Amino acid sequence: MTKSSRLYDEVIAVTDDYLGPAAERFVARQITTHLHKSPEKLTRTDLRKLIDWIKLAISLLTDDVEAVDKYIDSLTRLAGRKGSHPTR
């Protein structure tokens, strides 16, 4: 993997709580497949669309609605944070 952005690293950190070692590969695949960009180019404006794709993918992997909701809530809070550079 090429250098990562701070935002991408934050998404990985949240995802790691739910997917463990598969987090980086999962998120990178969602970004490249659905956003058509490399993970290091992830921007805050991309997060809403990324979250929608992640929710769909995770919902296909588990029937645990509570876990999916907690994960998506964590990502949504991340998307709402201010103070980070918008291109990171």
C-alpha atoms as a PDB file:
ATOM      1  CA  MET A   1       0.000   0.000   0.000  1.00  0.00           C
ATOM      2  CA  THR A   2       1.164   3.505  -0.745  1.00  0.00           C
ATOM      3  CA  LYS A   3       1.348   6.262   1.838  1.00  0.00           C
ATOM      4  CA  SER A   4      -1.919   6.800   3.654  1.00  0.00           C
ATOM      5  CA  SER A   5      -3.820   9.891   4.633  1.00  0.00           C
ATOM      6  CA  ARG A   6      -4.777  10.791   8.159  1.00  0.00           C
ATOM      7  CA  LEU A   7      -8.468  10.405   7.316  1.00  0.00           C
ATOM      8  CA  TYR A   8      -7.912   6.966   5.803  1.00  0.00           C
ATOM      9  CA  ASP A   9      -5.989   5.971   8.940  1.00  0.00           C
ATOM     10  CA  GLU A  10      -8.907   7.166  11.089  1.00  0.00           C
ATOM     11  CA  VAL A  11     -11.380   5.084   9.066  1.00  0.00           C
ATOM     12  CA  ILE A  12      -9.085   2.069   9.463  1.00  0.00           C
ATOM     13  CA  ALA A  13      -8.863   2.632  13.227  1.00  0.00           C
ATOM     14  CA  VAL A  14     -12.665   2.643  13.556  1.00  0.00           C
ATOM     15  CA  THR A  15     -13.015  -0.364  11.261  1.00  0.00           C
ATOM     16  CA  ASP A  16     -10.345  -2.300  13.145  1.00  0.00           C
ATOM     17  CA  ASP A  17     -12.670  -2.445  16.157  1.00  0.00           C
ATOM     18  CA  TYR A  18     -15.147  -4.418  14.046  1.00  0.00           C
ATOM     19  CA  LEU A  19     -13.038  -6.332  11.512  1.00  0.00           C
ATOM     20  CA  GLY A  20      -9.650  -6.606  13.177  1.00  0.00           C
ATOM     21  CA  PRO A  21      -6.772  -7.414  10.818  1.00  0.00           C
ATOM     22  CA  ALA A  22      -9.092  -7.367   7.787  1.00  0.00           C
ATOM     23  CA  ALA A  23      -9.919  -3.680   8.307  1.00  0.00           C
ATOM     24  CA  GLU A  24      -7.319  -2.128   6.026  1.00  0.00           C
ATOM     25  CA  ARG A  25      -7.953  -4.479   3.141  1.00  0.00           C
ATOM     26  CA  PHE A  26     -11.731  -4.098   3.478  1.00  0.00           C
ATOM     27  CA  VAL A  27     -11.688  -0.285   3.544  1.00  0.00           C
ATOM     28  CA  ALA A  28      -9.129  -0.011   0.748  1.00  0.00           C
ATOM     29  CA  ARG A  29     -11.262  -2.260  -1.429  1.00  0.00           C
ATOM     30  CA  GLN A  30     -14.396  -0.191  -0.723  1.00  0.00           C
ATOM     31  CA  ILE A  31     -12.577   3.017  -1.660  1.00  0.00           C
ATOM     32  CA  THR A  32     -10.977   1.728  -4.839  1.00  0.00           C
ATOM     33  CA  THR A  33     -14.040  -0.187  -6.039  1.00  0.00           C
ATOM     34  CA  HIS A  34     -16.795   2.284  -5.221  1.00  0.00           C
ATOM     35  CA  LEU A  35     -15.103   5.680  -5.071  1.00  0.00           C
ATOM     36  CA  HIS A  36     -12.678   4.925  -7.907  1.00  0.00           C
ATOM     37  CA  LYS A  37      -9.685   6.450  -6.164  1.00  0.00           C
ATOM     38  CA  SER A  38      -6.718   5.345  -4.145  1.00  0.00           C
ATOM     39  CA  PRO A  39      -7.168   5.220  -0.359  1.00  0.00           C
ATOM     40  CA  GLU A  40      -4.610   7.979   0.286  1.00  0.00           C
ATOM     41  CA  LYS A  41      -6.804  10.340  -1.763  1.00  0.00           C
ATOM     42  CA  LEU A  42      -9.825   9.848   0.528  1.00  0.00           C
ATOM     43  CA  THR A  43     -11.439  13.163   1.463  1.00  0.00           C
ATOM     44  CA  ARG A  44     -13.966  14.085   4.095  1.00  0.00           C
ATOM     45  CA  THR A  45     -16.532  14.724   1.350  1.00  0.00           C
ATOM     46  CA  ASP A  46     -16.091  11.084   0.245  1.00  0.00           C
ATOM     47  CA  LEU A  47     -17.064   9.716   3.637  1.00  0.00           C
ATOM     48  CA  ARG A  48     -20.856   9.786   3.276  1.00  0.00           C
ATOM     49  CA  LYS A  49     -20.732   7.763   0.076  1.00  0.00           C
ATOM     50  CA  LEU A  50     -18.080   5.441   1.542  1.00  0.00           C
ATOM     51  CA  ILE A  51     -20.201   4.878   4.645  1.00  0.00           C
ATOM     52  CA  ASP A  52     -23.179   3.912   2.480  1.00  0.00           C
ATOM     53  CA  TRP A  53     -21.080   1.308   0.644  1.00  0.00           C
ATOM     54  CA  ILE A  54     -19.537   0.016   3.875  1.00  0.00           C
ATOM     55  CA  LYS A  55     -22.979  -0.347   5.473  1.00  0.00           C
ATOM     56  CA  LEU A  56     -24.195  -2.371   2.513  1.00  0.00           C
ATOM     57  CA  ALA A  57     -21.121  -4.626   2.509  1.00  0.00           C
ATOM     58  CA  ILE A  58     -21.120  -5.219   6.266  1.00  0.00           C
ATOM     59  CA  SER A  59     -24.863  -5.909   6.263  1.00  0.00           C
ATOM     60  CA  LEU A  60     -24.222  -8.700   3.774  1.00  0.00           C
ATOM     61  CA  LEU A  61     -21.590 -10.199   6.077  1.00  0.00           C
ATOM     62  CA  THR A  62     -23.538 -10.254   9.333  1.00  0.00           C
ATOM     63  CA  ASP A  63     -27.081 -10.332  10.668  1.00  0.00           C
ATOM     64  CA  ASP A  64     -25.959  -8.484  13.821  1.00  0.00           C
ATOM     65  CA  VAL A  65     -27.879  -5.249  13.249  1.00  0.00           C
ATOM     66  CA  GLU A  66     -26.656  -3.768  16.530  1.00  0.00           C
ATOM     67  CA  ALA A  67     -22.998  -4.232  15.583  1.00  0.00           C
ATOM     68  CA  VAL A  68     -23.596  -2.793  12.113  1.00  0.00           C
ATOM     69  CA  ASP A  69     -25.383   0.225  13.595  1.00  0.00           C
ATOM     70  CA  LYS A  70     -22.587   0.861  16.101  1.00  0.00           C
ATOM     71  CA  TYR A  71     -19.952   0.646  13.378  1.00  0.00           C
ATOM     72  CA  ILE A  72     -21.859   2.963  11.052  1.00  0.00           C
ATOM     73  CA  ASP A  73     -22.516   5.411  13.920  1.00  0.00           C
ATOM     74  CA  SER A  74     -18.778   5.488  14.651  1.00  0.00           C
ATOM     75  CA  LEU A  75     -17.985   6.233  11.011  1.00  0.00           C
ATOM     76  CA  THR A  76     -20.723   8.867  10.849  1.00  0.00           C
ATOM     77  CA  ARG A  77     -19.249  10.633  13.884  1.00  0.00           C
ATOM     78  CA  LEU A  78     -15.883  10.559  12.147  1.00  0.00           C
ATOM     79  CA  ALA A  79     -17.476  12.119   9.056  1.00  0.00           C
ATOM     80  CA  GLY A  80     -18.904  14.908  11.186  1.00  0.00           C
ATOM     81  CA  ARG A  81     -15.635  15.879  12.855  1.00  0.00           C
ATOM     82  CA  LYS A  82     -14.293  19.306  12.115  1.00  0.00           C
ATOM     83  CA  GLY A  83     -10.762  20.588  12.213  1.00  0.00           C
ATOM     84  CA  SER A  84      -9.174  18.081   9.863  1.00  0.00           C
ATOM     85  CA  HIS A  85      -7.809  19.220   6.545  1.00  0.00           C
ATOM     86  CA  PRO A  86     -10.536  18.570   3.937  1.00  0.00           C
ATOM     87  CA  THR A  87      -8.191  16.922   1.448  1.00  0.00           C
ATOM     88  CA  ARG A  88      -6.889  14.373   3.860  1.00  0.00           C
END
